[in-house]
Amino acid sequence: MQTVATFTTPEDAHLFRTFLGSHGIEAFLLDEHFIQSFWYYSNTLGGVRLAVQDEDLEHAADIHQAYMDTLRKGPYPLQPVRAWPVVILLSILFSVPLPIFGRQPWRQD
């Protein structure tokens, strides 16, 4: 078995494992439960490792590259929200920190 990719959270690793499964490649997660229990050790241990059989390694690496490219591009380009000064002003006035949602999807219609 060879490690194809590492992820900081088990959730991300499960998403990619399912994606590999849809391409007919069986994958296994290593250190998943330890990272789930002790998430603050994720960077120290190298995260959750996703391993495949030796004969599937090259194909899985190609799929991983395509998967990561798709995540980087996304279905829609993102633009920053321009309302952050209003959110900061309201947070100061009401003495309650308000969450700032950093991005919104931009759609071409």
N, C-alpha and C. Protein backbone atom coordinates (compact mmCIF):
# COMPACT_ATOMS: atom_id res chain seq x y z
N MET A 1 0.84 -1.18 0.00
CA MET A 1 0.00 0.00 0.00
C MET A 1 0.88 1.24 0.00
N GLN A 2 0.43 2.22 -0.78
CA GLN A 2 1.16 3.48 -0.90
C GLN A 2 0.23 4.65 -0.56
N THR A 3 0.78 5.69 0.05
CA THR A 3 0.01 6.88 0.36
C THR A 3 -0.10 7.76 -0.87
N VAL A 4 -1.31 8.12 -1.21
CA VAL A 4 -1.56 8.98 -2.38
C VAL A 4 -1.63 10.44 -1.96
N ALA A 5 -2.32 10.71 -0.85
CA ALA A 5 -2.53 12.08 -0.42
C ALA A 5 -2.69 12.13 1.09
N THR A 6 -2.49 13.31 1.65
CA THR A 6 -2.75 13.55 3.06
C THR A 6 -3.72 14.72 3.19
N PHE A 7 -4.54 14.66 4.22
CA PHE A 7 -5.55 15.69 4.46
C PHE A 7 -5.49 16.08 5.92
N THR A 8 -5.84 17.33 6.23
CA THR A 8 -5.80 17.78 7.62
C THR A 8 -7.02 17.33 8.41
N THR A 9 -8.12 17.04 7.74
CA THR A 9 -9.32 16.58 8.44
C THR A 9 -9.82 15.27 7.83
N PRO A 10 -10.40 14.42 8.65
CA PRO A 10 -10.95 13.16 8.13
C PRO A 10 -12.09 13.38 7.13
N GLU A 11 -12.83 14.46 7.29
CA GLU A 11 -13.94 14.73 6.38
C GLU A 11 -13.45 14.92 4.95
N ASP A 12 -12.37 15.71 4.78
CA ASP A 12 -11.81 15.92 3.45
C ASP A 12 -11.29 14.61 2.86
N ALA A 13 -10.68 13.81 3.72
CA ALA A 13 -10.15 12.52 3.26
C ALA A 13 -11.27 11.59 2.82
N HIS A 14 -12.39 11.59 3.54
CA HIS A 14 -13.53 10.74 3.17
C HIS A 14 -14.13 11.18 1.84
N LEU A 15 -14.18 12.49 1.60
CA LEU A 15 -14.70 12.98 0.32
C LEU A 15 -13.85 12.47 -0.84
N PHE A 16 -12.53 12.55 -0.68
CA PHE A 16 -11.67 12.08 -1.77
C PHE A 16 -11.70 10.56 -1.89
N ARG A 17 -11.80 9.86 -0.76
CA ARG A 17 -11.89 8.40 -0.81
C ARG A 17 -13.14 7.97 -1.57
N THR A 18 -14.25 8.67 -1.35
CA THR A 18 -15.48 8.38 -2.07
C THR A 18 -15.33 8.69 -3.56
N PHE A 19 -14.62 9.78 -3.87
CA PHE A 19 -14.37 10.14 -5.26
C PHE A 19 -13.54 9.06 -5.95
N LEU A 20 -12.52 8.55 -5.25
CA LEU A 20 -11.72 7.45 -5.81
C LEU A 20 -12.58 6.21 -6.01
N GLY A 21 -13.46 5.94 -5.06
CA GLY A 21 -14.35 4.79 -5.16
C GLY A 21 -15.26 4.87 -6.38
N SER A 22 -15.66 6.09 -6.74
CA SER A 22 -16.50 6.25 -7.92
C SER A 22 -15.72 5.97 -9.21
N HIS A 23 -14.39 6.00 -9.12
CA HIS A 23 -13.54 5.66 -10.27
C HIS A 23 -13.04 4.21 -10.20
N GLY A 24 -13.56 3.46 -9.24
CA GLY A 24 -13.23 2.05 -9.15
C GLY A 24 -11.94 1.74 -8.41
N ILE A 25 -11.44 2.67 -7.62
CA ILE A 25 -10.21 2.46 -6.86
C ILE A 25 -10.56 2.36 -5.37
N GLU A 26 -10.17 1.27 -4.76
CA GLU A 26 -10.42 1.10 -3.33
C GLU A 26 -9.31 1.80 -2.55
N ALA A 27 -9.71 2.63 -1.60
CA ALA A 27 -8.75 3.40 -0.81
C ALA A 27 -9.01 3.19 0.68
N PHE A 28 -7.97 3.41 1.48
CA PHE A 28 -8.06 3.21 2.92
C PHE A 28 -7.52 4.46 3.61
N LEU A 29 -8.15 4.82 4.73
CA LEU A 29 -7.69 5.97 5.50
C LEU A 29 -6.85 5.49 6.67
N LEU A 30 -5.72 6.14 6.87
CA LEU A 30 -4.82 5.81 7.97
C LEU A 30 -4.75 7.00 8.93
N ASP A 31 -4.72 6.73 10.22
CA ASP A 31 -4.67 7.74 11.29
C ASP A 31 -5.96 8.56 11.37
N GLU A 32 -7.01 8.08 10.80
CA GLU A 32 -8.27 8.82 10.78
C GLU A 32 -8.84 9.04 12.18
N HIS A 33 -8.92 7.97 12.95
CA HIS A 33 -9.56 8.08 14.27
C HIS A 33 -8.70 8.86 15.25
N PHE A 34 -7.40 8.74 15.15
CA PHE A 34 -6.52 9.49 16.04
C PHE A 34 -6.65 10.99 15.76
N ILE A 35 -6.65 11.37 14.49
CA ILE A 35 -6.77 12.79 14.13
C ILE A 35 -8.16 13.31 14.51
N GLN A 36 -9.18 12.48 14.40
CA GLN A 36 -10.53 12.90 14.79
C GLN A 36 -10.59 13.18 16.29
N SER A 37 -9.91 12.35 17.07
CA SER A 37 -9.92 12.53 18.52
C SER A 37 -8.99 13.64 18.98
N PHE A 38 -7.81 13.72 18.39
CA PHE A 38 -6.80 14.70 18.77
C PHE A 38 -6.45 15.55 17.56
N TRP A 39 -7.39 16.40 17.15
CA TRP A 39 -7.25 17.18 15.93
C TRP A 39 -6.05 18.10 15.95
N TYR A 40 -5.61 18.53 17.14
CA TYR A 40 -4.50 19.46 17.23
C TYR A 40 -3.16 18.80 16.91
N TYR A 41 -3.12 17.47 16.77
CA TYR A 41 -1.90 16.78 16.35
C TYR A 41 -1.87 16.50 14.84
N SER A 42 -2.85 17.01 14.11
CA SER A 42 -2.95 16.72 12.69
C SER A 42 -1.70 17.12 11.92
N ASN A 43 -1.20 18.34 12.13
CA ASN A 43 0.00 18.78 11.42
C ASN A 43 1.24 18.03 11.87
N THR A 44 1.30 17.68 13.14
CA THR A 44 2.46 16.97 13.67
C THR A 44 2.60 15.59 13.05
N LEU A 45 1.47 14.87 12.92
CA LEU A 45 1.50 13.52 12.38
C LEU A 45 1.46 13.47 10.86
N GLY A 46 1.18 14.60 10.24
CA GLY A 46 1.08 14.62 8.79
C GLY A 46 -0.34 14.46 8.30
N GLY A 47 -1.31 14.55 9.17
CA GLY A 47 -2.71 14.49 8.78
C GLY A 47 -3.22 13.08 8.55
N VAL A 48 -4.38 13.01 7.96
CA VAL A 48 -5.01 11.73 7.62
C VAL A 48 -4.44 11.29 6.27
N ARG A 49 -3.89 10.09 6.24
CA ARG A 49 -3.28 9.59 5.01
C ARG A 49 -4.27 8.71 4.27
N LEU A 50 -4.29 8.86 2.95
CA LEU A 50 -5.14 8.05 2.11
C LEU A 50 -4.24 7.12 1.30
N ALA A 51 -4.42 5.82 1.48
CA ALA A 51 -3.54 4.84 0.86
C ALA A 51 -4.33 3.97 -0.13
N VAL A 52 -3.65 3.56 -1.19
CA VAL A 52 -4.24 2.68 -2.21
C VAL A 52 -3.27 1.53 -2.45
N GLN A 53 -3.74 0.52 -3.16
CA GLN A 53 -2.89 -0.61 -3.54
C GLN A 53 -1.81 -0.12 -4.51
N ASP A 54 -0.70 -0.83 -4.54
CA ASP A 54 0.44 -0.42 -5.38
C ASP A 54 0.08 -0.31 -6.86
N GLU A 55 -0.75 -1.21 -7.34
CA GLU A 55 -1.08 -1.19 -8.77
C GLU A 55 -2.01 -0.02 -9.14
N ASP A 56 -2.69 0.58 -8.16
CA ASP A 56 -3.58 1.71 -8.42
C ASP A 56 -2.93 3.06 -8.15
N LEU A 57 -1.68 3.06 -7.74
CA LEU A 57 -1.03 4.30 -7.29
C LEU A 57 -0.97 5.36 -8.38
N GLU A 58 -0.53 5.03 -9.56
CA GLU A 58 -0.37 6.03 -10.62
C GLU A 58 -1.71 6.62 -11.04
N HIS A 59 -2.70 5.77 -11.21
CA HIS A 59 -4.03 6.24 -11.61
C HIS A 59 -4.63 7.11 -10.51
N ALA A 60 -4.47 6.72 -9.25
CA ALA A 60 -5.00 7.50 -8.13
C ALA A 60 -4.30 8.85 -8.01
N ALA A 61 -3.00 8.89 -8.30
CA ALA A 61 -2.27 10.16 -8.25
C ALA A 61 -2.79 11.12 -9.32
N ASP A 62 -3.08 10.59 -10.50
CA ASP A 62 -3.65 11.43 -11.57
C ASP A 62 -5.02 11.95 -11.18
N ILE A 63 -5.82 11.10 -10.59
CA ILE A 63 -7.16 11.51 -10.15
C ILE A 63 -7.06 12.56 -9.05
N HIS A 64 -6.09 12.38 -8.14
CA HIS A 64 -5.91 13.35 -7.06
C HIS A 64 -5.53 14.72 -7.63
N GLN A 65 -4.66 14.75 -8.62
CA GLN A 65 -4.26 16.01 -9.24
C GLN A 65 -5.47 16.70 -9.88
N ALA A 66 -6.28 15.96 -10.61
CA ALA A 66 -7.48 16.52 -11.24
C ALA A 66 -8.48 17.00 -10.19
N TYR A 67 -8.62 16.23 -9.10
CA TYR A 67 -9.53 16.59 -8.01
C TYR A 67 -9.11 17.91 -7.36
N MET A 68 -7.82 18.05 -7.07
CA MET A 68 -7.33 19.27 -6.44
C MET A 68 -7.44 20.47 -7.38
N ASP A 69 -7.20 20.28 -8.66
CA ASP A 69 -7.37 21.37 -9.63
C ASP A 69 -8.82 21.83 -9.67
N THR A 70 -9.75 20.88 -9.62
CA THR A 70 -11.17 21.23 -9.61
C THR A 70 -11.53 22.01 -8.36
N LEU A 71 -10.98 21.62 -7.22
CA LEU A 71 -11.28 22.35 -5.98
C LEU A 71 -10.71 23.76 -6.02
N ARG A 72 -9.53 23.92 -6.60
CA ARG A 72 -8.94 25.25 -6.67
C ARG A 72 -9.73 26.19 -7.57
N LYS A 73 -10.18 25.67 -8.71
CA LYS A 73 -10.93 26.51 -9.65
C LYS A 73 -12.34 26.76 -9.17
N GLY A 74 -13.01 25.72 -8.70
CA GLY A 74 -14.37 25.85 -8.22
C GLY A 74 -15.36 26.05 -9.35
N PRO A 75 -16.63 25.85 -9.07
CA PRO A 75 -17.64 26.02 -10.12
C PRO A 75 -17.86 27.48 -10.48
N TYR A 76 -17.64 28.40 -9.52
CA TYR A 76 -17.84 29.82 -9.76
C TYR A 76 -16.64 30.57 -9.21
N PRO A 77 -16.17 31.59 -9.88
CA PRO A 77 -15.13 32.43 -9.28
C PRO A 77 -15.69 33.14 -8.05
N LEU A 78 -14.86 33.36 -7.06
CA LEU A 78 -15.31 34.00 -5.83
C LEU A 78 -14.85 35.44 -5.78
N GLN A 79 -15.72 36.31 -5.26
CA GLN A 79 -15.38 37.70 -5.06
C GLN A 79 -15.50 38.00 -3.57
N PRO A 80 -14.63 38.85 -3.04
CA PRO A 80 -14.75 39.21 -1.63
C PRO A 80 -16.01 40.03 -1.37
N VAL A 81 -16.55 39.88 -0.19
CA VAL A 81 -17.73 40.64 0.21
C VAL A 81 -17.28 42.06 0.54
N ARG A 82 -17.99 43.05 0.06
CA ARG A 82 -17.61 44.44 0.26
C ARG A 82 -18.24 45.06 1.51
N ALA A 83 -19.02 44.30 2.27
CA ALA A 83 -19.74 44.86 3.40
C ALA A 83 -18.98 44.78 4.71
N TRP A 84 -17.70 44.44 4.71
CA TRP A 84 -16.99 44.25 5.98
C TRP A 84 -16.92 45.51 6.83
N PRO A 85 -16.84 46.75 6.29
CA PRO A 85 -16.85 47.92 7.19
C PRO A 85 -18.16 48.04 7.97
N VAL A 86 -19.27 47.69 7.34
CA VAL A 86 -20.57 47.74 8.02
C VAL A 86 -20.61 46.72 9.14
N VAL A 87 -20.11 45.53 8.91
CA VAL A 87 -20.11 44.48 9.93
C VAL A 87 -19.23 44.89 11.11
N ILE A 88 -18.08 45.49 10.85
CA ILE A 88 -17.21 45.94 11.94
C ILE A 88 -17.89 47.05 12.74
N LEU A 89 -18.51 48.01 12.07
CA LEU A 89 -19.21 49.09 12.75
C LEU A 89 -20.34 48.55 13.63
N LEU A 90 -21.14 47.63 13.12
CA LEU A 90 -22.21 47.04 13.92
C LEU A 90 -21.67 46.25 15.10
N SER A 91 -20.55 45.59 14.92
CA SER A 91 -19.93 44.84 16.01
C SER A 91 -19.49 45.77 17.12
N ILE A 92 -18.94 46.91 16.75
CA ILE A 92 -18.50 47.88 17.77
C ILE A 92 -19.70 48.50 18.46
N LEU A 93 -20.72 48.88 17.70
CA LEU A 93 -21.90 49.53 18.29
C LEU A 93 -22.65 48.62 19.26
N PHE A 94 -22.80 47.35 18.90
CA PHE A 94 -23.58 46.43 19.74
C PHE A 94 -22.71 45.62 20.70
N SER A 95 -21.40 45.81 20.66
CA SER A 95 -20.46 45.11 21.53
C SER A 95 -20.59 43.60 21.42
N VAL A 96 -20.99 43.14 20.27
CA VAL A 96 -21.12 41.71 20.00
C VAL A 96 -20.38 41.42 18.70
N PRO A 97 -19.43 40.51 18.75
CA PRO A 97 -18.74 40.21 17.49
C PRO A 97 -19.68 39.50 16.51
N LEU A 98 -19.79 40.05 15.34
CA LEU A 98 -20.62 39.44 14.30
C LEU A 98 -19.73 38.69 13.33
N PRO A 99 -20.16 37.54 12.89
CA PRO A 99 -19.33 36.78 11.95
C PRO A 99 -19.25 37.49 10.60
N ILE A 100 -18.08 37.43 10.02
CA ILE A 100 -17.88 37.97 8.69
C ILE A 100 -17.77 36.80 7.74
N PHE A 101 -18.67 36.73 6.81
CA PHE A 101 -18.61 35.69 5.80
C PHE A 101 -17.79 36.23 4.66
N GLY A 102 -16.60 35.68 4.48
CA GLY A 102 -15.59 36.26 3.62
C GLY A 102 -15.85 36.25 2.14
N ARG A 103 -16.67 35.34 1.64
CA ARG A 103 -16.81 35.28 0.19
C ARG A 103 -18.23 34.88 -0.19
N GLN A 104 -18.61 35.32 -1.36
CA GLN A 104 -19.90 34.94 -1.94
C GLN A 104 -19.65 34.40 -3.32
N PRO A 105 -20.48 33.46 -3.75
CA PRO A 105 -20.31 33.00 -5.13
C PRO A 105 -20.74 34.09 -6.11
N TRP A 106 -20.03 34.19 -7.18
CA TRP A 106 -20.34 35.13 -8.24
C TRP A 106 -20.84 34.33 -9.43
N ARG A 107 -21.97 34.70 -9.95
CA ARG A 107 -22.56 33.95 -11.05
C ARG A 107 -22.73 34.86 -12.26
N GLN A 108 -22.44 34.30 -13.40
CA GLN A 108 -22.69 35.00 -14.64
C GLN A 108 -24.04 34.53 -15.17
N ASP A 109 -24.96 35.42 -15.29
CA ASP A 109 -26.30 35.05 -15.80
C ASP A 109 -26.51 35.61 -17.18
